Amino acid sequence: MTAVQHAPPPGPPPGPPAGQQAGGPPARTGSGPVLPGGPAERAEPATGVRRLFPRTLAGQVRAMTVLVVLALGAVLVTSWVAVDNARDGVRVIGHDAGPQVVATGDLYFQLTNMDAQLANALMVGRAQGLGVNRDAALQQYDDSRLKAGAALLQASKLADEPTEERTARATLDALARYERLAGQALLLDQNSAHAPGPPSDAVIEKYQAATDLMKLDLLPKAYNLTLDNGTLVRHTYENKHDAVLNGRIWVALTGLLLIVLLGGLQLYLAVRYRRLLNPLLALATLVTLVLTVMSWSMLSSQASHLSKAKHDGFDSILALSRARAIGNSANADQTRFLLDPKRADTYEQLFLDKSQSLLYLKADNLAQYSSGVQQGLEPGRKEILGFFGAEFGGTGLPGQRAALDKVLNDYRTFQRDDHAMRQLVASGRRSQAIAARTSTNGRDYATYDTSLGKLIAIHSDVFKDAVAKGDDGTKGWNLVIPGAGLVIVVLVLIGVRPRLAEYR
């Protein structure tokens, strides 16, 4: 019997055994090790938020490196902006608006001195042998006139708003009108050789017009100029000082963030690559820490220098310069009291008002005030009001309290001389009062004014020292910031390069 061979049923051709590829070795089965980034790692699909993060070790290292570089950029930008704010604040307060405002504040003193010297020249006439003579008074008048004009020009340059420009122009116009009236009074007085004391009625009339213009128009405008320009310095200080302090905080925060990211990258590489330490990343972390600490310290010092220049320097200089001008005007009121008997009561009241603005004591009249000054400035006094009040409660600069005590003692002498002069007038001895005014009184006032100038000089030295330290504090930081940034980024890139090279 012949066997019949049946054809195999239709179907796919026979292939290699299960788990084996054709023409190749048998496939591996089980859960053997898989290389990082291999097929098994890529096979797992990412879902949700995980799709935003790299799934390979190389991608994760690159992403962390990018974050480190971005944080480094934030550190560099915040440091640069903070340093620029510190530098700009020192420039405005110490070199630009600040000195110009101080010079503008001196305008008030020069104007009051012009009127004071005009009164002296008219009172002494052609008399010789007095403590003040006409020629010397006119020379001081001309000196103050030139300085006042220079201060007004500075104020015009500093004006950056239409209202300030108009005030500067109006002050210049008022000064020209005052000089015209003063010249007319001097010309009329020159034609009449009178004894020391009140000149002719015609001269008095011209002088009254001039001094009224000074008191009611020129001096208020000059003071407004100082206030307006001082506002620029105050706003600049407030903005820049706050910006430096805020910048210091941002530098610290961004520096801390960069340190955390560098530490995280260091830890990640240590865990995934079995490395204990990456020396270059550790060095980059150390450089970041040093940069952050140095930036914090430098910005703190700059904020301190700005504060010292503004409060212990600029503010005190401006206030004491104002006090000096008011004292000079009060000194001139003594001359006006003798020069113009018809307005003697007015000038006496003005003298009292100006004295109380310098050193306030409760008093109903000048006699009570004079008595209070002699008795109320005893050592150990707890409080002083007026322009000297802020100085009395000052910050304790070296030599400040001793200089203030000298000012107060000389001020007491100045007030005692004034009281004695008025007593002579009240007793009918006007000629003796004029002689005292031009000799003893004048010398004692000059002593007081010199003492006040020395106190101003203390604050001026503090101002200059703070500005100089502010200038020095930011020197070189234009190179330090980018230089440190370049070092850090190079260290980071070289530090991660060997790990990334393993995936090439």
Protein backbone atom coordinates (compact mmCIF):
# COMPACT_ATOMS: atom_id res chain seq x y z
CA MET A 1 0.00 0.00 0.00
CA THR A 2 1.39 3.22 -1.09
CA ALA A 3 1.48 5.99 1.54
CA VAL A 4 -0.07 9.27 0.48
CA GLN A 5 1.82 12.38 1.63
CA HIS A 6 -0.49 15.28 2.48
CA ALA A 7 0.55 18.92 1.95
CA PRO A 8 0.91 21.01 5.08
CA PRO A 9 -1.93 23.37 5.77
CA PRO A 10 -1.49 26.88 4.47
CA GLY A 11 0.07 29.34 6.96
CA PRO A 12 3.18 31.42 7.65
CA PRO A 13 6.52 29.84 6.98
CA PRO A 14 8.25 28.31 9.93
CA GLY A 15 10.42 30.84 11.77
CA PRO A 16 13.08 30.67 14.44
CA PRO A 17 12.18 29.47 17.85
CA ALA A 18 10.44 31.84 20.19
CA GLY A 19 12.71 34.47 21.57
CA GLN A 20 15.26 34.07 18.74
CA GLN A 21 15.78 36.30 15.68
CA ALA A 22 16.44 34.79 12.32
CA GLY A 23 20.11 34.43 11.60
CA GLY A 24 21.02 35.66 15.06
CA PRO A 25 21.69 34.42 18.53
CA PRO A 26 18.86 33.50 20.79
CA ALA A 27 17.14 36.47 22.36
CA ARG A 28 17.73 37.19 26.03
CA THR A 29 14.85 36.55 28.33
CA GLY A 30 14.21 37.62 31.83
CA SER A 31 14.97 40.98 33.54
CA GLY A 32 18.66 41.55 32.79
CA PRO A 33 20.38 44.98 33.28
CA VAL A 34 19.54 47.78 30.85
CA LEU A 35 21.97 50.55 29.96
CA PRO A 36 20.90 54.12 30.75
CA GLY A 37 19.08 55.58 27.84
CA GLY A 38 18.55 52.14 26.28
CA PRO A 39 15.38 50.76 24.68
CA ALA A 40 13.74 49.75 27.91
CA GLU A 41 14.22 53.28 29.38
CA ARG A 42 12.82 54.92 26.27
CA ALA A 43 9.95 52.52 26.01
CA GLU A 44 8.08 53.89 29.02
CA PRO A 45 5.71 56.58 27.73
CA ALA A 46 5.61 59.90 29.58
CA THR A 47 2.26 61.26 30.61
CA GLY A 48 1.00 64.47 32.21
CA VAL A 49 3.55 66.80 33.74
CA ARG A 50 6.32 64.25 33.21
CA ARG A 51 6.26 65.06 29.51
CA LEU A 52 7.86 68.45 30.38
CA PHE A 53 10.96 66.88 31.92
CA PRO A 54 13.81 65.10 30.15
CA ARG A 55 13.57 61.28 30.39
CA THR A 56 17.23 60.50 29.86
CA LEU A 57 20.13 61.06 32.21
CA ALA A 58 21.92 63.19 29.64
CA GLY A 59 18.85 65.38 29.15
CA GLN A 60 18.41 65.78 32.86
CA VAL A 61 22.04 66.85 33.33
CA ARG A 62 21.70 69.34 30.49
CA ALA A 63 18.48 70.74 31.96
CA MET A 64 20.04 71.20 35.40
CA THR A 65 23.05 72.89 33.80
CA VAL A 66 20.76 75.31 31.95
CA LEU A 67 19.00 76.13 35.24
CA VAL A 68 22.37 76.83 36.87
CA VAL A 69 23.35 79.17 34.03
CA LEU A 70 20.01 81.00 34.21
CA ALA A 71 20.37 81.44 37.98
CA LEU A 72 23.90 82.71 37.43
CA GLY A 73 22.53 85.26 34.96
CA ALA A 74 20.03 86.43 37.58
CA VAL A 75 22.85 86.85 40.12
CA LEU A 76 24.93 88.88 37.68
CA VAL A 77 22.03 91.12 36.58
CA THR A 78 20.81 91.88 40.10
CA SER A 79 24.38 92.60 41.25
CA TRP A 80 25.04 94.88 38.29
CA VAL A 81 21.81 96.84 38.78
CA ALA A 82 22.38 97.22 42.53
CA VAL A 83 25.96 98.45 42.02
CA ASP A 84 24.76 100.87 39.34
CA ASN A 85 22.13 102.27 41.72
CA ALA A 86 24.75 102.73 44.45
CA ARG A 87 27.11 104.45 42.04
CA ASP A 88 24.36 106.72 40.71
CA GLY A 89 23.26 107.71 44.23
CA VAL A 90 26.79 108.70 45.20
CA ARG A 91 27.18 110.65 41.96
CA VAL A 92 23.99 112.69 42.42
CA ILE A 93 24.40 113.37 46.14
CA GLY A 94 28.17 113.73 46.22
CA HIS A 95 29.16 115.24 42.89
CA ASP A 96 26.15 116.64 41.08
CA ALA A 97 23.00 117.94 42.74
CA GLY A 98 24.25 117.75 46.34
CA PRO A 99 27.16 120.21 46.07
CA GLN A 100 25.11 122.47 43.83
CA VAL A 101 22.28 122.57 46.36
CA VAL A 102 24.76 123.42 49.11
CA ALA A 103 26.09 126.22 46.93
CA THR A 104 22.54 127.37 46.25
CA GLY A 105 21.86 127.30 49.99
CA ASP A 106 24.80 129.67 50.42
CA LEU A 107 22.87 132.11 48.22
CA TYR A 108 20.63 132.96 51.17
CA PHE A 109 23.65 133.91 53.26
CA GLN A 110 25.21 136.03 50.52
CA LEU A 111 21.97 137.95 49.99
CA THR A 112 21.55 138.66 53.70
CA ASN A 113 25.18 139.75 53.87
CA MET A 114 24.65 142.17 50.97
CA ASP A 115 21.84 143.88 52.87
CA ALA A 116 23.81 143.80 56.13
CA GLN A 117 26.86 145.46 54.57
CA LEU A 118 24.70 148.03 52.82
CA ALA A 119 23.21 148.95 56.20
CA ASN A 120 26.70 149.17 57.74
CA ALA A 121 27.94 151.47 54.97
CA LEU A 122 24.95 153.78 55.35
CA MET A 123 25.14 153.86 59.15
CA VAL A 124 28.83 154.73 59.56
CA GLY A 125 28.89 157.32 56.76
CA ARG A 126 32.33 158.87 56.33
CA ALA A 127 33.33 158.41 59.96
CA GLN A 128 36.75 156.93 60.69
CA GLY A 129 38.07 155.07 63.71
CA LEU A 130 35.07 152.75 64.06
CA GLY A 131 35.19 148.97 63.91
CA VAL A 132 33.41 149.16 60.55
CA ASN A 133 34.19 151.68 57.82
CA ARG A 134 32.34 152.46 54.64
CA ASP A 135 34.95 151.16 52.21
CA ALA A 136 35.33 147.81 53.98
CA ALA A 137 31.55 147.39 54.14
CA LEU A 138 31.19 148.15 50.42
CA GLN A 139 33.98 145.70 49.59
CA GLN A 140 32.15 142.94 51.47
CA TYR A 141 28.93 144.00 49.73
CA ASP A 142 30.57 143.55 46.31
CA ASP A 143 32.05 140.17 47.30
CA SER A 144 28.67 138.88 48.41
CA ARG A 145 27.02 140.26 45.26
CA LEU A 146 29.43 138.30 43.04
CA LYS A 147 28.96 135.10 45.07
CA ALA A 148 25.19 135.50 45.00
CA GLY A 149 25.28 135.86 41.22
CA ALA A 150 27.42 132.72 40.87
CA ALA A 151 25.05 130.76 43.13
CA LEU A 152 22.08 131.89 41.04
CA LEU A 153 23.79 130.68 37.87
CA GLN A 154 24.32 127.29 39.48
CA ALA A 155 20.68 127.21 40.50
CA SER A 156 19.65 127.96 36.92
CA LYS A 157 21.78 125.07 35.63
CA LEU A 158 20.33 122.70 38.22
CA ALA A 159 16.72 123.65 37.48
CA ASP A 160 15.07 120.83 35.51
CA GLU A 161 11.43 121.93 35.76
CA PRO A 162 9.66 125.02 34.35
CA THR A 163 8.68 126.26 37.82
CA GLU A 164 12.28 126.11 39.06
CA GLU A 165 13.51 127.92 35.94
CA ARG A 166 10.94 130.65 36.44
CA THR A 167 11.94 131.01 40.11
CA ALA A 168 15.61 131.33 39.15
CA ARG A 169 14.84 133.99 36.53
CA ALA A 170 12.57 135.89 38.94
CA THR A 171 15.31 135.82 41.58
CA LEU A 172 17.80 137.25 39.08
CA ASP A 173 15.37 140.02 38.19
CA ALA A 174 14.72 140.81 41.85
CA LEU A 175 18.46 140.93 42.54
CA ALA A 176 18.92 143.43 39.71
CA ARG A 177 16.17 145.65 41.15
CA TYR A 178 17.72 145.42 44.62
CA GLU A 179 21.14 146.44 43.30
CA ARG A 180 19.58 149.45 41.57
CA LEU A 181 17.90 150.62 44.77
CA ALA A 182 21.05 149.96 46.81
CA GLY A 183 23.11 151.98 44.33
CA GLN A 184 20.69 154.91 44.55
CA ALA A 185 20.85 154.86 48.36
CA LEU A 186 24.65 154.78 48.34
CA LEU A 187 24.84 157.60 45.80
CA LEU A 188 22.52 159.81 47.86
CA ASP A 189 24.43 159.00 51.04
CA GLN A 190 27.78 159.77 49.40
CA ASN A 191 26.71 163.36 48.79
CA SER A 192 26.02 163.94 52.49
CA ALA A 193 28.84 163.45 54.98
CA HIS A 194 26.84 162.60 58.09
CA ALA A 195 27.97 161.45 61.50
CA PRO A 196 27.59 157.77 62.43
CA GLY A 197 23.90 157.05 62.77
CA PRO A 198 20.77 157.61 60.69
CA PRO A 199 21.41 159.24 57.27
CA SER A 200 19.02 161.63 55.52
CA ASP A 201 15.34 160.79 54.99
CA ALA A 202 15.92 160.39 51.25
CA VAL A 203 18.60 157.76 51.90
CA ILE A 204 16.42 156.01 54.45
CA GLU A 205 13.55 155.89 51.96
CA LYS A 206 15.70 154.22 49.30
CA TYR A 207 17.16 151.79 51.82
CA GLN A 208 13.70 150.88 53.10
CA ALA A 209 12.63 150.05 49.56
CA ALA A 210 15.77 147.96 49.04
CA THR A 211 15.58 146.04 52.30
CA ASP A 212 11.84 145.43 51.87
CA LEU A 213 12.55 143.97 48.45
CA MET A 214 15.23 141.79 49.98
CA LYS A 215 13.06 140.62 52.87
CA LEU A 216 9.75 140.15 51.04
CA ASP A 217 10.88 139.04 47.59
CA LEU A 218 14.51 138.05 47.18
CA LEU A 219 15.04 135.94 50.29
CA PRO A 220 11.79 133.94 49.94
CA LYS A 221 12.66 133.16 46.31
CA ALA A 222 16.18 132.14 47.27
CA TYR A 223 14.84 129.87 49.98
CA ASN A 224 12.35 128.32 47.53
CA LEU A 225 15.22 127.58 45.18
CA THR A 226 17.05 125.77 47.95
CA LEU A 227 13.95 123.80 48.89
CA ASP A 228 13.15 122.85 45.30
CA ASN A 229 16.67 121.72 44.54
CA GLY A 230 16.95 119.98 47.90
CA THR A 231 13.89 117.95 46.93
CA LEU A 232 15.87 116.49 44.03
CA VAL A 233 18.57 115.30 46.40
CA ARG A 234 16.03 113.91 48.86
CA HIS A 235 14.15 111.96 46.17
CA THR A 236 17.38 110.67 44.68
CA TYR A 237 18.56 109.50 48.08
CA GLU A 238 15.28 107.79 48.94
CA ASN A 239 15.09 106.02 45.57
CA LYS A 240 18.72 104.95 45.36
CA HIS A 241 19.10 104.01 49.03
CA ASP A 242 16.00 101.80 48.84
CA ALA A 243 17.17 100.38 45.51
CA VAL A 244 20.56 99.43 47.00
CA LEU A 245 18.94 97.74 50.01
CA ASN A 246 16.44 95.89 47.80
CA GLY A 247 19.22 94.95 45.41
CA ARG A 248 21.17 93.53 48.32
CA ILE A 249 18.23 91.26 49.16
CA TRP A 250 17.84 90.13 45.55
CA VAL A 251 21.55 89.42 45.28
CA ALA A 252 21.35 87.27 48.40
CA LEU A 253 18.26 85.39 47.16
CA THR A 254 19.57 84.73 43.66
CA GLY A 255 22.99 83.79 45.07
CA LEU A 256 21.35 81.34 47.46
CA LEU A 257 19.29 79.88 44.61
CA LEU A 258 22.42 79.39 42.51
CA ILE A 259 24.19 77.68 45.42
CA VAL A 260 21.21 75.35 45.92
CA LEU A 261 21.13 74.48 42.22
CA LEU A 262 24.87 73.83 42.13
CA GLY A 263 24.52 71.64 45.22
CA GLY A 264 21.62 69.79 43.63
CA LEU A 265 23.60 69.18 40.45
CA GLN A 266 26.55 67.97 42.51
CA LEU A 267 24.33 65.56 44.46
CA TYR A 268 22.60 64.28 41.33
CA LEU A 269 25.87 63.44 39.61
CA ALA A 270 27.18 61.80 42.78
CA VAL A 271 24.14 59.51 43.08
CA ARG A 272 23.64 58.55 39.42
CA TYR A 273 27.30 58.24 38.46
CA ARG A 274 28.72 56.90 41.69
CA ARG A 275 30.97 59.95 42.16
CA LEU A 276 31.72 61.36 45.58
CA LEU A 277 32.65 64.91 44.48
CA ASN A 278 32.93 66.94 41.31
CA PRO A 279 35.85 69.31 42.10
CA LEU A 280 34.97 71.90 39.44
CA LEU A 281 31.34 72.17 40.57
CA ALA A 282 32.53 72.47 44.15
CA LEU A 283 34.86 75.29 43.12
CA ALA A 284 32.02 77.01 41.22
CA THR A 285 29.89 76.78 44.37
CA LEU A 286 32.68 78.34 46.42
CA VAL A 287 33.12 81.18 43.91
CA THR A 288 29.36 81.81 43.99
CA LEU A 289 29.39 81.93 47.78
CA VAL A 290 32.30 84.39 47.81
CA LEU A 291 30.65 86.59 45.17
CA THR A 292 27.34 86.66 47.07
CA VAL A 293 28.97 87.50 50.41
CA MET A 294 31.18 90.19 48.86
CA SER A 295 28.22 91.73 47.01
CA TRP A 296 26.12 91.78 50.19
CA SER A 297 28.93 93.41 52.16
CA MET A 298 29.70 95.97 49.46
CA LEU A 299 26.04 96.97 49.03
CA SER A 300 25.59 97.26 52.80
CA SER A 301 28.60 99.58 52.95
CA GLN A 302 27.29 101.64 50.03
CA ALA A 303 23.91 102.06 51.71
CA SER A 304 25.72 103.19 54.88
CA HIS A 305 27.86 105.69 52.93
CA LEU A 306 24.78 107.11 51.22
CA SER A 307 23.00 107.48 54.55
CA LYS A 308 25.99 109.17 56.18
CA ALA A 309 26.50 111.55 53.26
CA LYS A 310 22.82 112.50 53.28
CA HIS A 311 21.97 112.71 57.00
CA ASP A 312 25.26 113.56 58.75
CA GLY A 313 26.61 115.57 55.84
CA PHE A 314 24.19 117.14 53.40
CA ASP A 315 21.20 117.70 55.71
CA SER A 316 23.29 119.18 58.51
CA ILE A 317 25.29 121.40 56.16
CA LEU A 318 22.10 122.75 54.61
CA ALA A 319 20.40 123.35 57.98
CA LEU A 320 23.42 124.99 59.58
CA SER A 321 24.05 127.13 56.50
CA ARG A 322 20.48 128.30 56.77
CA ALA A 323 21.07 129.03 60.49
CA ARG A 324 24.20 131.00 59.61
CA ALA A 325 22.27 133.10 57.10
CA ILE A 326 19.49 133.78 59.60
CA GLY A 327 22.04 134.77 62.24
CA ASN A 328 23.68 137.13 59.77
CA SER A 329 20.31 138.68 59.00
CA ALA A 330 19.62 139.07 62.73
CA ASN A 331 22.99 140.74 63.11
CA ALA A 332 21.99 143.14 60.33
CA ASP A 333 18.74 143.88 62.18
CA GLN A 334 20.86 145.37 64.94
CA THR A 335 22.32 147.83 62.43
CA ARG A 336 18.88 148.54 60.98
CA PHE A 337 17.63 149.20 64.51
CA LEU A 338 20.22 151.98 64.81
CA LEU A 339 19.96 153.12 61.18
CA ASP A 340 16.20 153.60 60.95
CA PRO A 341 14.65 154.77 64.27
CA LYS A 342 11.16 154.92 62.70
CA ARG A 343 11.20 151.17 62.22
CA ALA A 344 13.17 150.33 65.35
CA ASP A 345 10.31 148.34 66.91
CA THR A 346 9.88 146.31 63.71
CA TYR A 347 13.56 145.45 63.54
CA GLU A 348 13.59 144.53 67.22
CA GLN A 349 10.72 142.09 66.66
CA LEU A 350 12.43 140.65 63.60
CA PHE A 351 15.59 140.14 65.66
CA LEU A 352 13.56 138.23 68.25
CA ASP A 353 11.83 136.07 65.62
CA LYS A 354 15.12 135.14 63.96
CA SER A 355 16.78 134.45 67.31
CA GLN A 356 13.99 132.10 68.31
CA SER A 357 14.27 130.26 64.99
CA LEU A 358 17.90 129.60 65.84
CA LEU A 359 17.38 128.72 69.49
CA TYR A 360 13.81 128.64 70.70
CA LEU A 361 13.02 129.73 74.25
CA LYS A 362 9.57 130.74 75.37
CA ALA A 363 9.54 134.53 75.74
CA ASP A 364 7.00 137.34 75.25
CA ASN A 365 9.61 139.94 74.30
CA LEU A 366 13.28 140.34 73.51
CA ALA A 367 14.25 141.19 77.11
CA GLN A 368 12.76 137.93 78.37
CA TYR A 369 14.47 136.02 75.58
CA SER A 370 17.86 137.55 76.33
CA SER A 371 17.48 136.68 79.99
CA GLY A 372 16.43 133.13 79.10
CA VAL A 373 19.44 132.61 76.85
CA GLN A 374 21.81 133.66 79.62
CA GLN A 375 20.18 131.32 82.13
CA GLY A 376 18.80 128.52 79.96
CA LEU A 377 21.93 127.08 78.33
CA GLU A 378 23.41 125.46 81.37
CA PRO A 379 25.51 122.28 80.88
CA GLY A 380 23.51 119.05 80.81
CA ARG A 381 20.46 120.61 79.18
CA LYS A 382 18.16 117.84 77.93
CA GLU A 383 16.60 119.61 74.96
CA ILE A 384 17.17 122.48 72.54
CA LEU A 385 14.65 123.60 69.94
CA GLY A 386 15.19 125.54 66.75
CA PHE A 387 17.89 125.07 64.12
CA PHE A 388 20.37 124.04 66.80
CA GLY A 389 17.97 121.42 68.15
CA ALA A 390 18.73 118.74 65.55
CA GLU A 391 22.42 119.35 66.07
CA PHE A 392 22.02 119.07 69.85
CA GLY A 393 20.50 115.61 69.46
CA GLY A 394 22.92 114.58 66.68
CA THR A 395 24.69 111.33 66.04
CA GLY A 396 27.81 112.12 68.06
CA LEU A 397 30.34 112.81 65.34
CA PRO A 398 33.90 113.36 66.59
CA GLY A 399 34.20 116.93 67.81
CA GLN A 400 30.56 117.71 67.07
CA ARG A 401 29.36 118.26 70.63
CA ALA A 402 32.38 120.37 71.62
CA ALA A 403 31.90 122.53 68.51
CA LEU A 404 28.20 122.94 69.27
CA ASP A 405 28.93 123.95 72.87
CA LYS A 406 31.31 126.60 71.54
CA VAL A 407 28.62 127.87 69.17
CA LEU A 408 26.08 128.09 72.00
CA ASN A 409 28.48 129.93 74.30
CA ASP A 410 29.36 132.43 71.56
CA TYR A 411 25.68 132.81 70.73
CA ARG A 412 25.00 133.67 74.37
CA THR A 413 27.69 136.36 74.20
CA PHE A 414 26.17 137.71 70.99
CA GLN A 415 22.77 138.00 72.67
CA ARG A 416 24.29 139.64 75.76
CA ASP A 417 25.93 142.28 73.55
CA ASP A 418 22.63 142.92 71.82
CA HIS A 419 20.85 143.48 75.12
CA ALA A 420 23.56 145.91 76.27
CA MET A 421 23.33 147.86 73.01
CA ARG A 422 19.57 148.27 73.30
CA GLN A 423 19.97 149.40 76.90
CA LEU A 424 22.29 152.17 75.70
CA VAL A 425 19.72 153.31 73.13
CA ALA A 426 16.95 153.22 75.71
CA SER A 427 19.01 155.43 78.02
CA GLY A 428 19.59 157.99 75.25
CA ARG A 429 23.22 157.07 74.53
CA ARG A 430 22.79 156.21 70.83
CA SER A 431 26.31 157.25 69.84
CA GLN A 432 27.77 154.87 72.40
CA ALA A 433 25.43 152.15 71.14
CA ILE A 434 26.68 152.71 67.58
CA ALA A 435 30.29 152.59 68.78
CA ALA A 436 29.58 149.32 70.62
CA ARG A 437 27.77 147.91 67.59
CA THR A 438 30.74 148.55 65.31
CA SER A 439 33.37 147.33 67.75
CA THR A 440 32.63 144.88 70.58
CA ASN A 441 29.33 143.60 69.16
CA GLY A 442 30.82 143.14 65.73
CA ARG A 443 33.81 141.20 67.03
CA ASP A 444 31.67 138.94 69.21
CA TYR A 445 29.31 138.22 66.33
CA ALA A 446 32.31 137.38 64.11
CA THR A 447 33.50 134.94 66.80
CA TYR A 448 30.08 133.30 66.88
CA ASP A 449 29.95 133.09 63.08
CA THR A 450 33.44 131.52 62.99
CA SER A 451 32.40 128.91 65.55
CA LEU A 452 29.34 128.08 63.50
CA GLY A 453 31.53 127.79 60.41
CA LYS A 454 33.74 125.26 62.20
CA LEU A 455 30.69 123.19 63.11
CA ILE A 456 29.60 123.25 59.47
CA ALA A 457 33.13 122.18 58.48
CA ILE A 458 32.82 119.04 60.65
CA HIS A 459 29.76 117.96 58.69
CA SER A 460 31.41 118.97 55.44
CA ASP A 461 34.34 116.66 56.21
CA VAL A 462 31.91 113.83 57.00
CA PHE A 463 30.12 114.48 53.72
CA LYS A 464 33.34 114.43 51.68
CA ASP A 465 34.61 111.31 53.46
CA ALA A 466 31.35 109.40 52.89
CA VAL A 467 31.30 110.38 49.21
CA ALA A 468 34.94 109.35 48.76
CA LYS A 469 34.27 105.97 50.38
CA GLY A 470 31.18 105.58 48.22
CA ASP A 471 33.28 106.21 45.11
CA ASP A 472 35.93 103.73 46.19
CA GLY A 473 33.37 101.09 47.20
CA THR A 474 32.18 100.42 43.65
CA LYS A 475 35.55 100.65 41.91
CA GLY A 476 36.41 97.50 39.97
CA TRP A 477 32.96 95.94 40.19
CA ASN A 478 32.44 96.46 36.46
CA LEU A 479 35.13 93.78 36.08
CA VAL A 480 34.40 91.68 39.19
CA ILE A 481 30.80 90.86 38.25
CA PRO A 482 31.33 89.65 34.67
CA GLY A 483 34.68 88.08 35.59
CA ALA A 484 33.15 86.01 38.39
CA GLY A 485 30.26 85.04 36.11
CA LEU A 486 32.65 83.84 33.42
CA VAL A 487 34.66 81.79 35.92
CA ILE A 488 31.52 80.13 37.32
CA VAL A 489 30.01 79.24 33.96
CA VAL A 490 33.32 77.82 32.67
CA LEU A 491 33.72 75.68 35.81
CA VAL A 492 30.17 74.37 35.51
CA LEU A 493 30.45 73.50 31.81
CA ILE A 494 33.80 71.80 32.21
CA GLY A 495 32.54 69.99 35.31
CA VAL A 496 29.55 68.35 33.54
CA ARG A 497 31.31 67.76 30.21
CA PRO A 498 32.82 64.34 31.14
CA ARG A 499 29.43 63.04 32.19
CA LEU A 500 27.75 64.19 28.99
CA ALA A 501 30.61 62.73 26.92
CA GLU A 502 29.61 59.24 28.07
CA TYR A 503 26.51 59.45 25.85
CA ARG A 504 28.27 60.30 22.59
